[in-house]
Amino acid sequence: MSTTVSILAEIPEELHETLKGYLESHPDWDQDRVFAAALSLFLLQNGGDRLSRNTTSSYRSTAKVYLNALFQHSV
């Protein structure tokens, strides 16, 4: 079962402008897809040790979210 969690976060104005420009030039992407891809990639790169120590399925689930976001499949 897939659960959606809403996140409210303040980001630097420069990052916001860059994101806005990216989304305007890539209509197949939306803010949710960008954040899912970015967050899952961050966790894979920086939390891999903890993810794999806890369970292999956590690491695989995070990798699945990342790949689905990149290739636009709903989770």
Protein backbone atom coordinates (compact mmCIF):
# COMPACT_ATOMS: atom_id res chain seq x y z
CA MET A 1 0.00 0.00 0.00
CA SER A 2 1.30 3.44 -0.91
CA THR A 3 0.99 6.27 1.60
CA THR A 4 1.31 9.94 0.69
CA VAL A 5 2.75 12.43 3.17
CA SER A 6 2.48 16.16 2.53
CA ILE A 7 5.58 18.21 3.29
CA LEU A 8 5.68 21.94 3.85
CA ALA A 9 9.23 23.23 3.61
CA GLU A 10 10.88 26.58 3.12
CA ILE A 11 13.61 26.59 0.49
CA PRO A 12 16.02 29.35 -0.52
CA GLU A 13 14.65 31.74 -3.14
CA GLU A 14 17.42 30.80 -5.59
CA LEU A 15 16.44 27.14 -5.37
CA HIS A 16 12.77 28.04 -5.80
CA GLU A 17 13.52 30.06 -8.94
CA THR A 18 15.61 27.23 -10.38
CA LEU A 19 12.88 24.69 -9.62
CA LYS A 20 10.26 26.96 -11.17
CA GLY A 21 12.34 27.32 -14.33
CA TYR A 22 12.91 23.58 -14.51
CA LEU A 23 9.21 22.82 -14.15
CA GLU A 24 8.31 25.40 -16.81
CA SER A 25 10.71 23.80 -19.29
CA HIS A 26 9.82 20.19 -18.38
CA PRO A 27 6.00 19.94 -18.44
CA ASP A 28 6.06 16.18 -17.82
CA TRP A 29 7.54 16.82 -14.34
CA ASP A 30 5.68 18.35 -11.39
CA GLN A 31 6.80 19.53 -7.97
CA ASP A 32 5.81 16.27 -6.25
CA ARG A 33 7.77 14.18 -8.73
CA VAL A 34 10.87 16.37 -8.36
CA PHE A 35 10.74 16.20 -4.56
CA ALA A 36 10.17 12.43 -4.54
CA ALA A 37 13.17 11.93 -6.85
CA ALA A 38 15.38 14.33 -4.90
CA LEU A 39 14.49 13.00 -1.47
CA SER A 40 14.82 9.34 -2.43
CA LEU A 41 18.18 9.99 -4.14
CA PHE A 42 19.39 11.84 -1.04
CA LEU A 43 18.37 8.92 1.18
CA LEU A 44 20.02 6.40 -1.12
CA GLN A 45 23.26 8.38 -1.17
CA ASN A 46 23.36 9.42 2.48
CA GLY A 47 21.30 6.87 4.36
CA GLY A 48 22.28 3.71 2.56
CA ASP A 49 24.17 2.22 5.51
CA ARG A 50 21.27 2.70 7.89
CA LEU A 51 18.68 1.65 5.31
CA SER A 52 20.47 -1.59 4.53
CA ARG A 53 21.20 -2.28 8.21
CA ASN A 54 17.54 -1.91 9.13
CA THR A 55 16.17 -3.97 6.27
CA THR A 56 17.04 -4.66 2.71
CA SER A 57 13.41 -3.95 1.85
CA SER A 58 13.75 -0.32 3.06
CA TYR A 59 16.65 0.23 0.69
CA ARG A 60 14.79 -1.46 -2.17
CA SER A 61 11.63 0.55 -1.46
CA THR A 62 13.59 3.80 -1.53
CA ALA A 63 15.31 2.78 -4.75
CA LYS A 64 11.91 1.90 -6.25
CA VAL A 65 10.52 5.35 -5.39
CA TYR A 66 13.56 6.99 -7.01
CA LEU A 67 13.34 4.94 -10.21
CA ASN A 68 9.58 5.36 -10.43
CA ALA A 69 9.96 9.13 -10.09
CA LEU A 70 12.59 9.20 -12.82
CA PHE A 71 10.57 7.10 -15.21
CA GLN A 72 7.20 8.57 -14.21
CA HIS A 73 5.50 5.48 -12.81
CA SER A 74 3.10 5.94 -9.96
CA VAL A 75 4.18 4.22 -6.77
